[in-house]
Amino acid sequence: MELSILQIIAALSAVSVGAFVQTAVGFGIAIIAAPILYLIEPQLVPVPIILASVTQTTLVLIFEGASARLDELKPAVFGHLPGVALGVWILSISTQSQLALGMGAAVLMAVAVSLLSKGIASSKRNFFIAGALSGLMGSTTGIGGPPIALMFQHQSGPQLRANLAAFFTVAGGLSLAGIALSGQVPKGAWSVGALFVPVVCGSFLLAKKLAPPNISWARQAILALSSFAGVVSILKGWA
């Protein structure tokens, strides 16, 4: 993978903004950065952006991990495993357009369910399904946040961020392992992903200083970012 200086600057800027938003809200780095990275160079998705996301969520766990509820996360993590396996298989047989259209539609459907109901029930079955969808989407497009984020949308800021960080740290590691074992990591993907790590760390520290500690509009931000991800994915599929 060969990138020009301008492409590298654009990619680092996208990841920086995404990391800042995710630190404040609980997720968003892949939602914001992945579509831009794809436009810069398709091979920047999914491995480099997943590596950046895992770096960011690990930092959140260090600072806010005590608020995480592991009892809710277990079924989501178990669901993530078959989702990753299915995603890696689909990645090997599908075109980028097919993947983008399918994932975009799935995200918008999830948002519609949330808006038209009082919320998605916090059952083990629903967490398992959300984890599976997250694994499928994350392994194919690098955007695995919406399904699991919708499950936590009614929680307070600190608990929301801690739960999402705990899930995404484990889930991101599983996705990277699955993609690596399948032999579908483009040449240079790990090196580019390593460039994102210090940028993510800097944006995280900046957000911790500037962002309020308990954001009341977190749910609205999650729904807006999920909708944005869905629309962008569909546009990518039609392009």
C-alpha atoms as a PDB file:
ATOM      1  CA  MET A   1       0.000   0.000   0.000  1.00  0.00           C
ATOM      2  CA  GLU A   2       1.564   3.280  -1.124  1.00  0.00           C
ATOM      3  CA  LEU A   3       0.152   6.597   0.094  1.00  0.00           C
ATOM      4  CA  SER A   4       1.138  10.137  -0.765  1.00  0.00           C
ATOM      5  CA  ILE A   5       1.898  12.720   1.914  1.00  0.00           C
ATOM      6  CA  LEU A   6      -1.478  14.371   1.326  1.00  0.00           C
ATOM      7  CA  GLN A   7      -3.279  11.041   1.663  1.00  0.00           C
ATOM      8  CA  ILE A   8      -1.465  10.306   4.913  1.00  0.00           C
ATOM      9  CA  ILE A   9      -2.334  13.751   6.320  1.00  0.00           C
ATOM     10  CA  ALA A  10      -5.986  13.338   5.316  1.00  0.00           C
ATOM     11  CA  ALA A  11      -6.136   9.859   6.868  1.00  0.00           C
ATOM     12  CA  LEU A  12      -4.530  10.996  10.121  1.00  0.00           C
ATOM     13  CA  SER A  13      -6.921  13.961  10.306  1.00  0.00           C
ATOM     14  CA  ALA A  14      -9.972  11.739   9.848  1.00  0.00           C
ATOM     15  CA  VAL A  15      -8.800   9.343  12.550  1.00  0.00           C
ATOM     16  CA  SER A  16      -8.005  12.230  14.890  1.00  0.00           C
ATOM     17  CA  VAL A  17     -11.507  13.706  14.613  1.00  0.00           C
ATOM     18  CA  GLY A  18     -13.090  10.278  14.995  1.00  0.00           C
ATOM     19  CA  ALA A  19     -11.044   9.494  18.108  1.00  0.00           C
ATOM     20  CA  PHE A  20     -12.036  12.826  19.677  1.00  0.00           C
ATOM     21  CA  VAL A  21     -15.739  12.128  19.089  1.00  0.00           C
ATOM     22  CA  GLN A  22     -15.511   8.556  20.366  1.00  0.00           C
ATOM     23  CA  THR A  23     -13.771   9.672  23.546  1.00  0.00           C
ATOM     24  CA  ALA A  24     -16.631  12.088  24.241  1.00  0.00           C
ATOM     25  CA  VAL A  25     -19.615  10.010  23.111  1.00  0.00           C
ATOM     26  CA  GLY A  26     -18.555   6.372  23.381  1.00  0.00           C
ATOM     27  CA  PHE A  27     -18.223   5.438  19.729  1.00  0.00           C
ATOM     28  CA  GLY A  28     -17.672   7.166  16.423  1.00  0.00           C
ATOM     29  CA  ILE A  29     -14.072   6.699  15.322  1.00  0.00           C
ATOM     30  CA  ALA A  30     -14.968   4.117  12.673  1.00  0.00           C
ATOM     31  CA  ILE A  31     -18.243   5.841  11.751  1.00  0.00           C
ATOM     32  CA  ILE A  32     -16.441   9.082  10.990  1.00  0.00           C
ATOM     33  CA  ALA A  33     -13.078   7.858   9.747  1.00  0.00           C
ATOM     34  CA  ALA A  34     -13.881   4.645   7.842  1.00  0.00           C
ATOM     35  CA  PRO A  35     -15.842   6.261   4.962  1.00  0.00           C
ATOM     36  CA  ILE A  36     -13.119   8.897   4.520  1.00  0.00           C
ATOM     37  CA  LEU A  37     -10.332   6.321   4.694  1.00  0.00           C
ATOM     38  CA  TYR A  38     -12.134   4.222   2.113  1.00  0.00           C
ATOM     39  CA  LEU A  39     -12.265   7.182  -0.263  1.00  0.00           C
ATOM     40  CA  ILE A  40      -8.558   7.856   0.299  1.00  0.00           C
ATOM     41  CA  GLU A  41      -7.547   4.220  -0.196  1.00  0.00           C
ATOM     42  CA  PRO A  42      -9.927   1.229   0.071  1.00  0.00           C
ATOM     43  CA  GLN A  43      -7.223  -0.900   1.716  1.00  0.00           C
ATOM     44  CA  LEU A  44      -7.274   1.415   4.743  1.00  0.00           C
ATOM     45  CA  VAL A  45     -10.506  -0.403   5.667  1.00  0.00           C
ATOM     46  CA  PRO A  46     -10.938  -2.489   7.728  1.00  0.00           C
ATOM     47  CA  VAL A  47      -7.570  -3.389   9.352  1.00  0.00           C
ATOM     48  CA  PRO A  48      -5.988   0.046  10.032  1.00  0.00           C
ATOM     49  CA  ILE A  49      -9.213   1.596  11.326  1.00  0.00           C
ATOM     50  CA  ILE A  50      -9.897  -1.398  13.595  1.00  0.00           C
ATOM     51  CA  LEU A  51      -6.383  -1.054  15.026  1.00  0.00           C
ATOM     52  CA  ALA A  52      -7.026   2.641  15.685  1.00  0.00           C
ATOM     53  CA  SER A  53     -10.352   1.827  17.323  1.00  0.00           C
ATOM     54  CA  VAL A  54      -8.825  -0.800  19.620  1.00  0.00           C
ATOM     55  CA  THR A  55      -6.179   1.703  20.683  1.00  0.00           C
ATOM     56  CA  GLN A  56      -8.845   4.263  21.549  1.00  0.00           C
ATOM     57  CA  THR A  57     -11.084   1.880  23.443  1.00  0.00           C
ATOM     58  CA  THR A  58      -8.140   0.535  25.441  1.00  0.00           C
ATOM     59  CA  LEU A  59      -7.423   4.080  26.609  1.00  0.00           C
ATOM     60  CA  VAL A  60     -11.058   4.533  27.655  1.00  0.00           C
ATOM     61  CA  LEU A  61     -10.898   1.309  29.657  1.00  0.00           C
ATOM     62  CA  ILE A  62      -7.810   2.525  31.505  1.00  0.00           C
ATOM     63  CA  PHE A  63      -9.619   5.699  32.609  1.00  0.00           C
ATOM     64  CA  GLU A  64     -13.275   4.603  32.888  1.00  0.00           C
ATOM     65  CA  GLY A  65     -13.271   0.798  32.872  1.00  0.00           C
ATOM     66  CA  ALA A  66     -14.712   0.546  36.388  1.00  0.00           C
ATOM     67  CA  SER A  67     -18.144   1.566  35.041  1.00  0.00           C
ATOM     68  CA  ALA A  68     -18.388  -1.382  32.626  1.00  0.00           C
ATOM     69  CA  ARG A  69     -20.990  -4.110  33.264  1.00  0.00           C
ATOM     70  CA  LEU A  70     -19.458  -7.417  32.210  1.00  0.00           C
ATOM     71  CA  ASP A  71     -22.725  -9.343  32.683  1.00  0.00           C
ATOM     72  CA  GLU A  72     -24.238  -7.492  29.725  1.00  0.00           C
ATOM     73  CA  LEU A  73     -21.112  -7.760  27.600  1.00  0.00           C
ATOM     74  CA  LYS A  74     -20.645 -11.542  27.732  1.00  0.00           C
ATOM     75  CA  PRO A  75     -23.490 -12.504  25.348  1.00  0.00           C
ATOM     76  CA  ALA A  76     -22.430  -9.732  22.958  1.00  0.00           C
ATOM     77  CA  VAL A  77     -18.848 -11.020  22.872  1.00  0.00           C
ATOM     78  CA  PHE A  78     -20.044 -14.609  22.319  1.00  0.00           C
ATOM     79  CA  GLY A  79     -22.250 -13.353  19.489  1.00  0.00           C
ATOM     80  CA  HIS A  80     -19.315 -11.486  17.977  1.00  0.00           C
ATOM     81  CA  LEU A  81     -17.423 -14.712  17.253  1.00  0.00           C
ATOM     82  CA  PRO A  82     -19.814 -16.185  14.650  1.00  0.00           C
ATOM     83  CA  GLY A  83     -20.308 -12.673  13.286  1.00  0.00           C
ATOM     84  CA  VAL A  84     -16.579 -12.357  12.620  1.00  0.00           C
ATOM     85  CA  ALA A  85     -16.454 -15.808  11.005  1.00  0.00           C
ATOM     86  CA  LEU A  86     -19.368 -14.950   8.718  1.00  0.00           C
ATOM     87  CA  GLY A  87     -17.907 -11.512   7.967  1.00  0.00           C
ATOM     88  CA  VAL A  88     -14.518 -12.928   6.961  1.00  0.00           C
ATOM     89  CA  TRP A  89     -16.251 -15.403   4.635  1.00  0.00           C
ATOM     90  CA  ILE A  90     -18.444 -12.698   3.087  1.00  0.00           C
ATOM     91  CA  LEU A  91     -15.373 -10.482   2.705  1.00  0.00           C
ATOM     92  CA  SER A  92     -13.787 -13.163   0.541  1.00  0.00           C
ATOM     93  CA  ILE A  93     -16.724 -13.600  -1.848  1.00  0.00           C
ATOM     94  CA  SER A  94     -18.422 -10.184  -2.071  1.00  0.00           C
ATOM     95  CA  THR A  95     -17.689  -6.949  -3.862  1.00  0.00           C
ATOM     96  CA  GLN A  96     -17.236  -3.728  -1.911  1.00  0.00           C
ATOM     97  CA  SER A  97     -20.468  -2.371  -3.394  1.00  0.00           C
ATOM     98  CA  GLN A  98     -22.486  -5.346  -2.171  1.00  0.00           C
ATOM     99  CA  LEU A  99     -21.020  -5.086   1.311  1.00  0.00           C
ATOM    100  CA  ALA A 100     -21.624  -1.342   1.546  1.00  0.00           C
ATOM    101  CA  LEU A 101     -25.261  -1.608   0.454  1.00  0.00           C
ATOM    102  CA  GLY A 102     -26.059  -4.454   2.824  1.00  0.00           C
ATOM    103  CA  MET A 103     -24.405  -2.896   5.851  1.00  0.00           C
ATOM    104  CA  GLY A 104     -25.913   0.533   5.200  1.00  0.00           C
ATOM    105  CA  ALA A 105     -29.391  -0.934   5.069  1.00  0.00           C
ATOM    106  CA  ALA A 106     -28.806  -2.886   8.280  1.00  0.00           C
ATOM    107  CA  VAL A 107     -27.661   0.205  10.177  1.00  0.00           C
ATOM    108  CA  LEU A 108     -30.621   2.326   9.062  1.00  0.00           C
ATOM    109  CA  MET A 109     -33.014  -0.462  10.034  1.00  0.00           C
ATOM    110  CA  ALA A 110     -31.489  -0.573  13.508  1.00  0.00           C
ATOM    111  CA  VAL A 111     -31.915   3.184  13.902  1.00  0.00           C
ATOM    112  CA  ALA A 112     -35.536   2.966  12.738  1.00  0.00           C
ATOM    113  CA  VAL A 113     -36.278   0.281  15.328  1.00  0.00           C
ATOM    114  CA  SER A 114     -34.811   2.486  18.044  1.00  0.00           C
ATOM    115  CA  LEU A 115     -36.774   5.560  16.973  1.00  0.00           C
ATOM    116  CA  LEU A 116     -40.095   3.767  16.536  1.00  0.00           C
ATOM    117  CA  SER A 117     -39.976   1.952  19.865  1.00  0.00           C
ATOM    118  CA  LYS A 118     -39.195   2.760  23.461  1.00  0.00           C
ATOM    119  CA  GLY A 119     -35.888   1.024  23.049  1.00  0.00           C
ATOM    120  CA  ILE A 120     -34.425  -2.359  22.311  1.00  0.00           C
ATOM    121  CA  ALA A 121     -34.865  -4.743  25.238  1.00  0.00           C
ATOM    122  CA  SER A 122     -31.643  -5.489  27.111  1.00  0.00           C
ATOM    123  CA  SER A 123     -31.985  -9.262  26.873  1.00  0.00           C
ATOM    124  CA  LYS A 124     -29.170 -11.769  26.435  1.00  0.00           C
ATOM    125  CA  ARG A 125     -30.609 -12.756  23.071  1.00  0.00           C
ATOM    126  CA  ASN A 126     -30.590  -9.175  21.803  1.00  0.00           C
ATOM    127  CA  PHE A 127     -27.054  -8.598  23.058  1.00  0.00           C
ATOM    128  CA  PHE A 128     -25.972 -11.795  21.287  1.00  0.00           C
ATOM    129  CA  ILE A 129     -27.607 -10.663  18.030  1.00  0.00           C
ATOM    130  CA  ALA A 130     -26.099  -7.181  18.343  1.00  0.00           C
ATOM    131  CA  GLY A 131     -22.676  -8.701  18.945  1.00  0.00           C
ATOM    132  CA  ALA A 132     -23.028 -10.937  15.887  1.00  0.00           C
ATOM    133  CA  LEU A 133     -24.081  -8.029  13.678  1.00  0.00           C
ATOM    134  CA  SER A 134     -21.212  -5.961  15.042  1.00  0.00           C
ATOM    135  CA  GLY A 135     -18.751  -8.734  14.216  1.00  0.00           C
ATOM    136  CA  LEU A 136     -20.172  -9.114  10.725  1.00  0.00           C
ATOM    137  CA  MET A 137     -20.111  -5.379   9.988  1.00  0.00           C
ATOM    138  CA  GLY A 138     -16.777  -4.707  11.654  1.00  0.00           C
ATOM    139  CA  SER A 139     -14.996  -7.512   9.806  1.00  0.00           C
ATOM    140  CA  THR A 140     -16.300  -6.423   6.411  1.00  0.00           C
ATOM    141  CA  THR A 141     -16.454  -2.625   6.537  1.00  0.00           C
ATOM    142  CA  GLY A 142     -14.645  -1.606   9.729  1.00  0.00           C
ATOM    143  CA  ILE A 143     -17.900  -0.080  11.034  1.00  0.00           C
ATOM    144  CA  GLY A 144     -19.080  -2.391  13.797  1.00  0.00           C
ATOM    145  CA  GLY A 145     -20.328   0.173  16.290  1.00  0.00           C
ATOM    146  CA  PRO A 146     -24.015   0.839  15.519  1.00  0.00           C
ATOM    147  CA  PRO A 147     -25.603  -2.508  16.514  1.00  0.00           C
ATOM    148  CA  ILE A 148     -23.989  -2.692  19.938  1.00  0.00           C
ATOM    149  CA  ALA A 149     -24.159   1.063  20.549  1.00  0.00           C
ATOM    150  CA  LEU A 150     -27.924   0.983  20.047  1.00  0.00           C
ATOM    151  CA  MET A 151     -28.131  -1.560  22.871  1.00  0.00           C
ATOM    152  CA  PHE A 152     -26.459   0.858  25.289  1.00  0.00           C
ATOM    153  CA  GLN A 153     -28.020   4.097  24.043  1.00  0.00           C
ATOM    154  CA  HIS A 154     -30.054   4.825  27.208  1.00  0.00           C
ATOM    155  CA  GLN A 155     -27.156   4.537  29.644  1.00  0.00           C
ATOM    156  CA  SER A 156     -25.355   7.442  31.295  1.00  0.00           C
ATOM    157  CA  GLY A 157     -22.241   8.924  29.682  1.00  0.00           C
ATOM    158  CA  PRO A 158     -19.549   7.192  31.806  1.00  0.00           C
ATOM    159  CA  GLN A 159     -21.283   3.796  31.778  1.00  0.00           C
ATOM    160  CA  LEU A 160     -22.025   4.068  28.062  1.00  0.00           C
ATOM    161  CA  ARG A 161     -18.397   4.820  27.221  1.00  0.00           C
ATOM    162  CA  ALA A 162     -17.044   2.094  29.514  1.00  0.00           C
ATOM    163  CA  ASN A 163     -19.369  -0.627  28.197  1.00  0.00           C
ATOM    164  CA  LEU A 164     -18.713   0.236  24.566  1.00  0.00           C
ATOM    165  CA  ALA A 165     -14.965   0.456  25.180  1.00  0.00           C
ATOM    166  CA  ALA A 166     -14.877  -2.955  26.870  1.00  0.00           C
ATOM    167  CA  PHE A 167     -16.824  -4.558  24.051  1.00  0.00           C
ATOM    168  CA  PHE A 168     -14.918  -2.898  21.210  1.00  0.00           C
ATOM    169  CA  THR A 169     -11.525  -3.716  22.712  1.00  0.00           C
ATOM    170  CA  VAL A 170     -12.314  -7.441  22.796  1.00  0.00           C
ATOM    171  CA  ALA A 171     -14.343  -7.406  19.583  1.00  0.00           C
ATOM    172  CA  GLY A 172     -11.721  -5.436  17.671  1.00  0.00           C
ATOM    173  CA  GLY A 173      -9.036  -7.892  18.704  1.00  0.00           C
ATOM    174  CA  LEU A 174     -11.188 -10.815  17.559  1.00  0.00           C
ATOM    175  CA  SER A 175     -11.888  -9.121  14.223  1.00  0.00           C
ATOM    176  CA  LEU A 176      -8.205  -8.424  13.604  1.00  0.00           C
ATOM    177  CA  ALA A 177      -7.324 -12.015  14.475  1.00  0.00           C
ATOM    178  CA  GLY A 178     -10.002 -13.388  12.170  1.00  0.00           C
ATOM    179  CA  ILE A 179      -8.946 -11.227   9.232  1.00  0.00           C
ATOM    180  CA  ALA A 180      -5.263 -12.022   9.798  1.00  0.00           C
ATOM    181  CA  LEU A 181      -5.888 -15.772   9.984  1.00  0.00           C
ATOM    182  CA  SER A 182      -7.854 -15.603   6.736  1.00  0.00           C
ATOM    183  CA  GLY A 183      -4.859 -14.027   4.986  1.00  0.00           C
ATOM    184  CA  GLN A 184      -6.821 -10.974   3.850  1.00  0.00           C
ATOM    185  CA  VAL A 185      -4.622  -8.265   5.369  1.00  0.00           C
ATOM    186  CA  PRO A 186      -3.288  -5.988   2.586  1.00  0.00           C
ATOM    187  CA  LYS A 187       0.433  -5.331   2.438  1.00  0.00           C
ATOM    188  CA  GLY A 188       1.352  -2.351   4.597  1.00  0.00           C
ATOM    189  CA  ALA A 189      -1.951  -2.305   6.503  1.00  0.00           C
ATOM    190  CA  TRP A 190      -0.303  -2.950   9.882  1.00  0.00           C
ATOM    191  CA  SER A 191       2.276  -0.207   9.284  1.00  0.00           C
ATOM    192  CA  VAL A 192      -0.348   2.358   8.389  1.00  0.00           C
ATOM    193  CA  GLY A 193      -2.436   1.312  11.371  1.00  0.00           C
ATOM    194  CA  ALA A 194       0.593   1.857  13.614  1.00  0.00           C
ATOM    195  CA  LEU A 195       0.745   5.472  12.396  1.00  0.00           C
ATOM    196  CA  PHE A 196      -2.773   5.986  13.726  1.00  0.00           C
ATOM    197  CA  VAL A 197      -1.864   4.957  17.285  1.00  0.00           C
ATOM    198  CA  PRO A 198      -0.107   8.169  18.458  1.00  0.00           C
ATOM    199  CA  VAL A 199      -2.768  10.294  16.741  1.00  0.00           C
ATOM    200  CA  VAL A 200      -5.507   8.441  18.612  1.00  0.00           C
ATOM    201  CA  CYS A 201      -3.649   8.895  21.906  1.00  0.00           C
ATOM    202  CA  GLY A 202      -3.312  12.649  21.325  1.00  0.00           C
ATOM    203  CA  SER A 203      -6.978  13.080  20.395  1.00  0.00           C
ATOM    204  CA  PHE A 204      -8.032  11.040  23.411  1.00  0.00           C
ATOM    205  CA  LEU A 205      -6.088  13.240  25.834  1.00  0.00           C
ATOM    206  CA  LEU A 206      -7.414  16.392  24.158  1.00  0.00           C
ATOM    207  CA  ALA A 207     -11.011  15.185  24.375  1.00  0.00           C
ATOM    208  CA  LYS A 208     -10.583  14.291  28.043  1.00  0.00           C
ATOM    209  CA  LYS A 209      -9.655  17.916  28.723  1.00  0.00           C
ATOM    210  CA  LEU A 210     -12.279  19.584  26.529  1.00  0.00           C
ATOM    211  CA  ALA A 211     -15.323  17.262  26.465  1.00  0.00           C
ATOM    212  CA  PRO A 212     -17.829  17.327  29.368  1.00  0.00           C
ATOM    213  CA  PRO A 213     -17.631  14.252  31.655  1.00  0.00           C
ATOM    214  CA  ASN A 214     -21.311  13.290  31.320  1.00  0.00           C
ATOM    215  CA  ILE A 215     -22.924  14.056  27.976  1.00  0.00           C
ATOM    216  CA  SER A 216     -26.726  14.195  28.148  1.00  0.00           C
ATOM    217  CA  TRP A 217     -27.084  14.123  24.377  1.00  0.00           C
ATOM    218  CA  ALA A 218     -25.153  10.844  23.947  1.00  0.00           C
ATOM    219  CA  ARG A 219     -28.196   8.914  22.682  1.00  0.00           C
ATOM    220  CA  GLN A 220     -28.976  11.563  20.051  1.00  0.00           C
ATOM    221  CA  ALA A 221     -25.362  11.531  18.948  1.00  0.00           C
ATOM    222  CA  ILE A 222     -25.395   7.735  18.627  1.00  0.00           C
ATOM    223  CA  LEU A 223     -28.538   7.757  16.493  1.00  0.00           C
ATOM    224  CA  ALA A 224     -27.180  10.577  14.319  1.00  0.00           C
ATOM    225  CA  LEU A 225     -23.805   8.893  13.815  1.00  0.00           C
ATOM    226  CA  SER A 226     -25.464   5.554  13.070  1.00  0.00           C
ATOM    227  CA  SER A 227     -27.704   7.187  10.480  1.00  0.00           C
ATOM    228  CA  PHE A 228     -24.716   8.908   8.932  1.00  0.00           C
ATOM    229  CA  ALA A 229     -22.881   5.596   8.707  1.00  0.00           C
ATOM    230  CA  GLY A 230     -25.855   3.934   7.049  1.00  0.00           C
ATOM    231  CA  VAL A 231     -26.317   6.654   4.448  1.00  0.00           C
ATOM    232  CA  VAL A 232     -22.595   6.800   3.638  1.00  0.00           C
ATOM    233  CA  SER A 233     -22.432   3.018   3.247  1.00  0.00           C
ATOM    234  CA  ILE A 234     -25.371   3.020   0.825  1.00  0.00           C
ATOM    235  CA  LEU A 235     -23.882   5.893  -1.192  1.00  0.00           C
ATOM    236  CA  LYS A 236     -20.612   3.982  -1.392  1.00  0.00           C
ATOM    237  CA  GLY A 237     -22.481   0.958  -2.635  1.00  0.00           C
ATOM    238  CA  TRP A 238     -24.257   2.877  -5.374  1.00  0.00           C
ATOM    239  CA  ALA A 239     -21.137   4.769  -6.477  1.00  0.00           C
END
